[in-house]
Amino acid sequence: MARRGRVELRRIEDRTSRQVRFSKRRSGLFKKAFELAVLCDAEVALLVFSPAGRLYEYASSRCA
């Protein structure tokens, strides 16, 4: 089985592509936070600020 190499992390220069990637990554991150709360019976809170400064938040039911 072929092993994947590391992906070089660097800023996405195109503004539209960067916003699309942010939205997709944000939703994936929120899903992982939800899974962590459910599977591990953990209290999870997550704050994310967009490049434009908008706040997005997630809190498991017991945190709210």
PDB file of N, CA and C in Angstrom:
ATOM      1  N   MET A   1       0.849  -1.172   0.000  1.00  0.00           N
ATOM      2  CA  MET A   1       0.000   0.000   0.000  1.00  0.00           C
ATOM      3  C   MET A   1       0.900   1.242   0.000  1.00  0.00           C
ATOM      4  N   ALA A   2       0.615   2.170  -0.880  1.00  0.00           N
ATOM      5  CA  ALA A   2       1.406   3.394  -0.968  1.00  0.00           C
ATOM      6  C   ALA A   2       1.066   4.326   0.189  1.00  0.00           C
ATOM      7  N   ARG A   3       2.088   4.958   0.708  1.00  0.00           N
ATOM      8  CA  ARG A   3       1.894   5.870   1.821  1.00  0.00           C
ATOM      9  C   ARG A   3       1.853   7.304   1.301  1.00  0.00           C
ATOM     10  N   ARG A   4       0.930   8.060   1.796  1.00  0.00           N
ATOM     11  CA  ARG A   4       0.812   9.451   1.367  1.00  0.00           C
ATOM     12  C   ARG A   4       1.879  10.292   2.049  1.00  0.00           C
ATOM     13  N   GLY A   5       2.378  11.266   1.327  1.00  0.00           N
ATOM     14  CA  GLY A   5       3.345  12.197   1.902  1.00  0.00           C
ATOM     15  C   GLY A   5       2.635  13.300   2.662  1.00  0.00           C
ATOM     16  N   ARG A   6       3.410  14.075   3.364  1.00  0.00           N
ATOM     17  CA  ARG A   6       2.834  15.200   4.101  1.00  0.00           C
ATOM     18  C   ARG A   6       2.433  16.303   3.132  1.00  0.00           C
ATOM     19  N   VAL A   7       1.340  16.944   3.451  1.00  0.00           N
ATOM     20  CA  VAL A   7       0.875  18.060   2.648  1.00  0.00           C
ATOM     21  C   VAL A   7       1.492  19.331   3.216  1.00  0.00           C
ATOM     22  N   GLU A   8       2.052  20.136   2.342  1.00  0.00           N
ATOM     23  CA  GLU A   8       2.649  21.386   2.787  1.00  0.00           C
ATOM     24  C   GLU A   8       1.539  22.374   3.142  1.00  0.00           C
ATOM     25  N   LEU A   9       1.584  22.893   4.346  1.00  0.00           N
ATOM     26  CA  LEU A   9       0.580  23.859   4.784  1.00  0.00           C
ATOM     27  C   LEU A   9       1.057  25.259   4.439  1.00  0.00           C
ATOM     28  N   ARG A  10       0.255  25.968   3.694  1.00  0.00           N
ATOM     29  CA  ARG A  10       0.555  27.351   3.366  1.00  0.00           C
ATOM     30  C   ARG A  10      -0.747  28.084   3.120  1.00  0.00           C
ATOM     31  N   ARG A  11      -0.688  29.372   3.213  1.00  0.00           N
ATOM     32  CA  ARG A  11      -1.875  30.216   3.046  1.00  0.00           C
ATOM     33  C   ARG A  11      -2.416  30.088   1.629  1.00  0.00           C
ATOM     34  N   ILE A  12      -3.732  30.011   1.517  1.00  0.00           N
ATOM     35  CA  ILE A  12      -4.387  29.979   0.213  1.00  0.00           C
ATOM     36  C   ILE A  12      -4.507  31.430  -0.251  1.00  0.00           C
ATOM     37  N   GLU A  13      -3.882  31.738  -1.364  1.00  0.00           N
ATOM     38  CA  GLU A  13      -3.825  33.126  -1.829  1.00  0.00           C
ATOM     39  C   GLU A  13      -5.151  33.627  -2.393  1.00  0.00           C
ATOM     40  N   ASP A  14      -5.870  32.782  -3.120  1.00  0.00           N
ATOM     41  CA  ASP A  14      -7.138  33.197  -3.718  1.00  0.00           C
ATOM     42  C   ASP A  14      -8.195  33.350  -2.628  1.00  0.00           C
ATOM     43  N   ARG A  15      -8.752  34.541  -2.526  1.00  0.00           N
ATOM     44  CA  ARG A  15      -9.687  34.860  -1.443  1.00  0.00           C
ATOM     45  C   ARG A  15     -10.932  33.971  -1.461  1.00  0.00           C
ATOM     46  N   THR A  16     -11.496  33.745  -2.645  1.00  0.00           N
ATOM     47  CA  THR A  16     -12.703  32.922  -2.759  1.00  0.00           C
ATOM     48  C   THR A  16     -12.418  31.481  -2.362  1.00  0.00           C
ATOM     49  N   SER A  17     -11.320  30.937  -2.850  1.00  0.00           N
ATOM     50  CA  SER A  17     -10.943  29.563  -2.498  1.00  0.00           C
ATOM     51  C   SER A  17     -10.690  29.430  -1.005  1.00  0.00           C
ATOM     52  N   ARG A  18     -10.074  30.457  -0.425  1.00  0.00           N
ATOM     53  CA  ARG A  18      -9.791  30.442   1.013  1.00  0.00           C
ATOM     54  C   ARG A  18     -11.085  30.428   1.814  1.00  0.00           C
ATOM     55  N   GLN A  19     -12.086  31.210   1.384  1.00  0.00           N
ATOM     56  CA  GLN A  19     -13.372  31.258   2.088  1.00  0.00           C
ATOM     57  C   GLN A  19     -14.116  29.935   1.965  1.00  0.00           C
ATOM     58  N   VAL A  20     -14.079  29.336   0.770  1.00  0.00           N
ATOM     59  CA  VAL A  20     -14.726  28.035   0.564  1.00  0.00           C
ATOM     60  C   VAL A  20     -14.071  26.990   1.455  1.00  0.00           C
ATOM     61  N   ARG A  21     -12.748  26.963   1.487  1.00  0.00           N
ATOM     62  CA  ARG A  21     -12.022  25.998   2.312  1.00  0.00           C
ATOM     63  C   ARG A  21     -12.316  26.210   3.788  1.00  0.00           C
ATOM     64  N   PHE A  22     -12.383  27.472   4.216  1.00  0.00           N
ATOM     65  CA  PHE A  22     -12.702  27.779   5.610  1.00  0.00           C
ATOM     66  C   PHE A  22     -14.062  27.211   5.983  1.00  0.00           C
ATOM     67  N   SER A  23     -15.056  27.421   5.125  1.00  0.00           N
ATOM     68  CA  SER A  23     -16.412  26.936   5.408  1.00  0.00           C
ATOM     69  C   SER A  23     -16.453  25.419   5.519  1.00  0.00           C
ATOM     70  N   LYS A  24     -15.774  24.736   4.610  1.00  0.00           N
ATOM     71  CA  LYS A  24     -15.754  23.273   4.644  1.00  0.00           C
ATOM     72  C   LYS A  24     -15.009  22.760   5.869  1.00  0.00           C
ATOM     73  N   ARG A  25     -13.875  23.354   6.171  1.00  0.00           N
ATOM     74  CA  ARG A  25     -13.106  22.931   7.340  1.00  0.00           C
ATOM     75  C   ARG A  25     -13.854  23.215   8.633  1.00  0.00           C
ATOM     76  N   ARG A  26     -14.540  24.359   8.674  1.00  0.00           N
ATOM     77  CA  ARG A  26     -15.301  24.719   9.874  1.00  0.00           C
ATOM     78  C   ARG A  26     -16.392  23.693  10.148  1.00  0.00           C
ATOM     79  N   SER A  27     -17.125  23.309   9.129  1.00  0.00           N
ATOM     80  CA  SER A  27     -18.196  22.332   9.337  1.00  0.00           C
ATOM     81  C   SER A  27     -17.623  20.981   9.756  1.00  0.00           C
ATOM     82  N   GLY A  28     -16.493  20.585   9.187  1.00  0.00           N
ATOM     83  CA  GLY A  28     -15.849  19.334   9.587  1.00  0.00           C
ATOM     84  C   GLY A  28     -15.358  19.380  11.026  1.00  0.00           C
ATOM     85  N   LEU A  29     -14.816  20.519  11.423  1.00  0.00           N
ATOM     86  CA  LEU A  29     -14.330  20.691  12.791  1.00  0.00           C
ATOM     87  C   LEU A  29     -15.481  20.634  13.791  1.00  0.00           C
ATOM     88  N   PHE A  30     -16.612  21.253  13.448  1.00  0.00           N
ATOM     89  CA  PHE A  30     -17.778  21.213  14.325  1.00  0.00           C
ATOM     90  C   PHE A  30     -18.322  19.791  14.444  1.00  0.00           C
ATOM     91  N   LYS A  31     -18.281  19.053  13.355  1.00  0.00           N
ATOM     92  CA  LYS A  31     -18.742  17.664  13.384  1.00  0.00           C
ATOM     93  C   LYS A  31     -17.854  16.834  14.312  1.00  0.00           C
ATOM     94  N   LYS A  32     -16.540  17.049  14.241  1.00  0.00           N
ATOM     95  CA  LYS A  32     -15.614  16.322  15.113  1.00  0.00           C
ATOM     96  C   LYS A  32     -15.836  16.695  16.579  1.00  0.00           C
ATOM     97  N   ALA A  33     -16.124  17.952  16.848  1.00  0.00           N
ATOM     98  CA  ALA A  33     -16.402  18.381  18.221  1.00  0.00           C
ATOM     99  C   ALA A  33     -17.653  17.689  18.748  1.00  0.00           C
ATOM    100  N   PHE A  34     -18.677  17.579  17.905  1.00  0.00           N
ATOM    101  CA  PHE A  34     -19.906  16.882  18.282  1.00  0.00           C
ATOM    102  C   PHE A  34     -19.622  15.408  18.567  1.00  0.00           C
ATOM    103  N   GLU A  35     -18.847  14.766  17.689  1.00  0.00           N
ATOM    104  CA  GLU A  35     -18.511  13.353  17.874  1.00  0.00           C
ATOM    105  C   GLU A  35     -17.743  13.139  19.173  1.00  0.00           C
ATOM    106  N   LEU A  36     -16.809  14.016  19.478  1.00  0.00           N
ATOM    107  CA  LEU A  36     -16.038  13.912  20.716  1.00  0.00           C
ATOM    108  C   LEU A  36     -16.959  14.003  21.929  1.00  0.00           C
ATOM    109  N   ALA A  37     -17.905  14.923  21.885  1.00  0.00           N
ATOM    110  CA  ALA A  37     -18.844  15.088  22.997  1.00  0.00           C
ATOM    111  C   ALA A  37     -19.698  13.844  23.188  1.00  0.00           C
ATOM    112  N   VAL A  38     -20.177  13.264  22.098  1.00  0.00           N
ATOM    113  CA  VAL A  38     -21.060  12.100  22.189  1.00  0.00           C
ATOM    114  C   VAL A  38     -20.287  10.842  22.573  1.00  0.00           C
ATOM    115  N   LEU A  39     -19.206  10.562  21.865  1.00  0.00           N
ATOM    116  CA  LEU A  39     -18.477   9.312  22.077  1.00  0.00           C
ATOM    117  C   LEU A  39     -17.769   9.243  23.426  1.00  0.00           C
ATOM    118  N   CYS A  40     -17.252  10.368  23.884  1.00  0.00           N
ATOM    119  CA  CYS A  40     -16.464  10.376  25.121  1.00  0.00           C
ATOM    120  C   CYS A  40     -17.209  10.985  26.295  1.00  0.00           C
ATOM    121  N   ASP A  41     -18.473  11.309  26.099  1.00  0.00           N
ATOM    122  CA  ASP A  41     -19.281  11.943  27.138  1.00  0.00           C
ATOM    123  C   ASP A  41     -18.541  13.141  27.734  1.00  0.00           C
ATOM    124  N   ALA A  42     -17.977  13.950  26.832  1.00  0.00           N
ATOM    125  CA  ALA A  42     -17.179  15.104  27.244  1.00  0.00           C
ATOM    126  C   ALA A  42     -17.955  16.389  27.002  1.00  0.00           C
ATOM    127  N   GLU A  43     -17.628  17.396  27.783  1.00  0.00           N
ATOM    128  CA  GLU A  43     -18.171  18.722  27.545  1.00  0.00           C
ATOM    129  C   GLU A  43     -17.217  19.422  26.588  1.00  0.00           C
ATOM    130  N   VAL A  44     -17.737  19.848  25.461  1.00  0.00           N
ATOM    131  CA  VAL A  44     -16.896  20.435  24.422  1.00  0.00           C
ATOM    132  C   VAL A  44     -17.426  21.811  24.052  1.00  0.00           C
ATOM    133  N   ALA A  45     -16.526  22.769  23.983  1.00  0.00           N
ATOM    134  CA  ALA A  45     -16.864  24.107  23.500  1.00  0.00           C
ATOM    135  C   ALA A  45     -15.823  24.486  22.458  1.00  0.00           C
ATOM    136  N   LEU A  46     -16.278  25.125  21.387  1.00  0.00           N
ATOM    137  CA  LEU A  46     -15.395  25.469  20.284  1.00  0.00           C
ATOM    138  C   LEU A  46     -15.748  26.858  19.778  1.00  0.00           C
ATOM    139  N   LEU A  47     -14.751  27.718  19.675  1.00  0.00           N
ATOM    140  CA  LEU A  47     -14.923  29.058  19.116  1.00  0.00           C
ATOM    141  C   LEU A  47     -14.026  29.184  17.900  1.00  0.00           C
ATOM    142  N   VAL A  48     -14.582  29.682  16.801  1.00  0.00           N
ATOM    143  CA  VAL A  48     -13.818  29.873  15.571  1.00  0.00           C
ATOM    144  C   VAL A  48     -14.130  31.260  15.035  1.00  0.00           C
ATOM    145  N   PHE A  49     -13.084  32.003  14.706  1.00  0.00           N
ATOM    146  CA  PHE A  49     -13.250  33.311  14.093  1.00  0.00           C
ATOM    147  C   PHE A  49     -12.874  33.217  12.624  1.00  0.00           C
ATOM    148  N   SER A  50     -13.735  33.728  11.760  1.00  0.00           N
ATOM    149  CA  SER A  50     -13.463  33.727  10.325  1.00  0.00           C
ATOM    150  C   SER A  50     -12.414  34.793  10.018  1.00  0.00           C
ATOM    151  N   PRO A  51     -11.830  34.746   8.819  1.00  0.00           N
ATOM    152  CA  PRO A  51     -10.889  35.801   8.429  1.00  0.00           C
ATOM    153  C   PRO A  51     -11.530  37.193   8.457  1.00  0.00           C
ATOM    154  N   ALA A  52     -12.834  37.248   8.288  1.00  0.00           N
ATOM    155  CA  ALA A  52     -13.552  38.528   8.334  1.00  0.00           C
ATOM    156  C   ALA A  52     -13.882  38.946   9.766  1.00  0.00           C
ATOM    157  N   GLY A  53     -13.573  38.087  10.746  1.00  0.00           N
ATOM    158  CA  GLY A  53     -13.815  38.414  12.141  1.00  0.00           C
ATOM    159  C   GLY A  53     -15.144  37.927  12.681  1.00  0.00           C
ATOM    160  N   ARG A  54     -15.885  37.157  11.897  1.00  0.00           N
ATOM    161  CA  ARG A  54     -17.167  36.632  12.361  1.00  0.00           C
ATOM    162  C   ARG A  54     -16.932  35.454  13.305  1.00  0.00           C
ATOM    163  N   LEU A  55     -17.724  35.391  14.359  1.00  0.00           N
ATOM    164  CA  LEU A  55     -17.594  34.344  15.366  1.00  0.00           C
ATOM    165  C   LEU A  55     -18.546  33.198  15.071  1.00  0.00           C
ATOM    166  N   TYR A  56     -18.015  31.972  15.124  1.00  0.00           N
ATOM    167  CA  TYR A  56     -18.819  30.753  15.020  1.00  0.00           C
ATOM    168  C   TYR A  56     -18.544  29.962  16.287  1.00  0.00           C
ATOM    169  N   GLU A  57     -19.585  29.401  16.877  1.00  0.00           N
ATOM    170  CA  GLU A  57     -19.392  28.685  18.135  1.00  0.00           C
ATOM    171  C   GLU A  57     -20.173  27.384  18.172  1.00  0.00           C
ATOM    172  N   TYR A  58     -19.622  26.436  18.920  1.00  0.00           N
ATOM    173  CA  TYR A  58     -20.284  25.161  19.179  1.00  0.00           C
ATOM    174  C   TYR A  58     -20.106  24.868  20.660  1.00  0.00           C
ATOM    175  N   ALA A  59     -21.154  24.376  21.284  1.00  0.00           N
ATOM    176  CA  ALA A  59     -21.073  23.927  22.671  1.00  0.00           C
ATOM    177  C   ALA A  59     -21.939  22.690  22.809  1.00  0.00           C
ATOM    178  N   SER A  60     -21.393  21.667  23.458  1.00  0.00           N
ATOM    179  CA  SER A  60     -22.206  20.481  23.703  1.00  0.00           C
ATOM    180  C   SER A  60     -23.344  20.880  24.632  1.00  0.00           C
ATOM    181  N   SER A  61     -24.376  20.090  24.672  1.00  0.00           N
ATOM    182  CA  SER A  61     -25.610  20.470  25.363  1.00  0.00           C
ATOM    183  C   SER A  61     -25.398  20.835  26.828  1.00  0.00           C
ATOM    184  N   ARG A  62     -24.450  20.183  27.496  1.00  0.00           N
ATOM    185  CA  ARG A  62     -24.233  20.488  28.910  1.00  0.00           C
ATOM    186  C   ARG A  62     -23.469  21.789  29.105  1.00  0.00           C
ATOM    187  N   CYS A  63     -22.753  22.255  28.080  1.00  0.00           N
ATOM    188  CA  CYS A  63     -21.998  23.509  28.181  1.00  0.00           C
ATOM    189  C   CYS A  63     -22.892  24.727  27.998  1.00  0.00           C
ATOM    190  N   ALA A  64     -23.958  24.544  27.266  1.00  0.00           N
ATOM    191  CA  ALA A  64     -24.787  25.697  26.878  1.00  0.00           C
ATOM    192  C   ALA A  64     -25.549  26.283  28.037  1.00  0.00           C
TER     193      ALA A  64
END
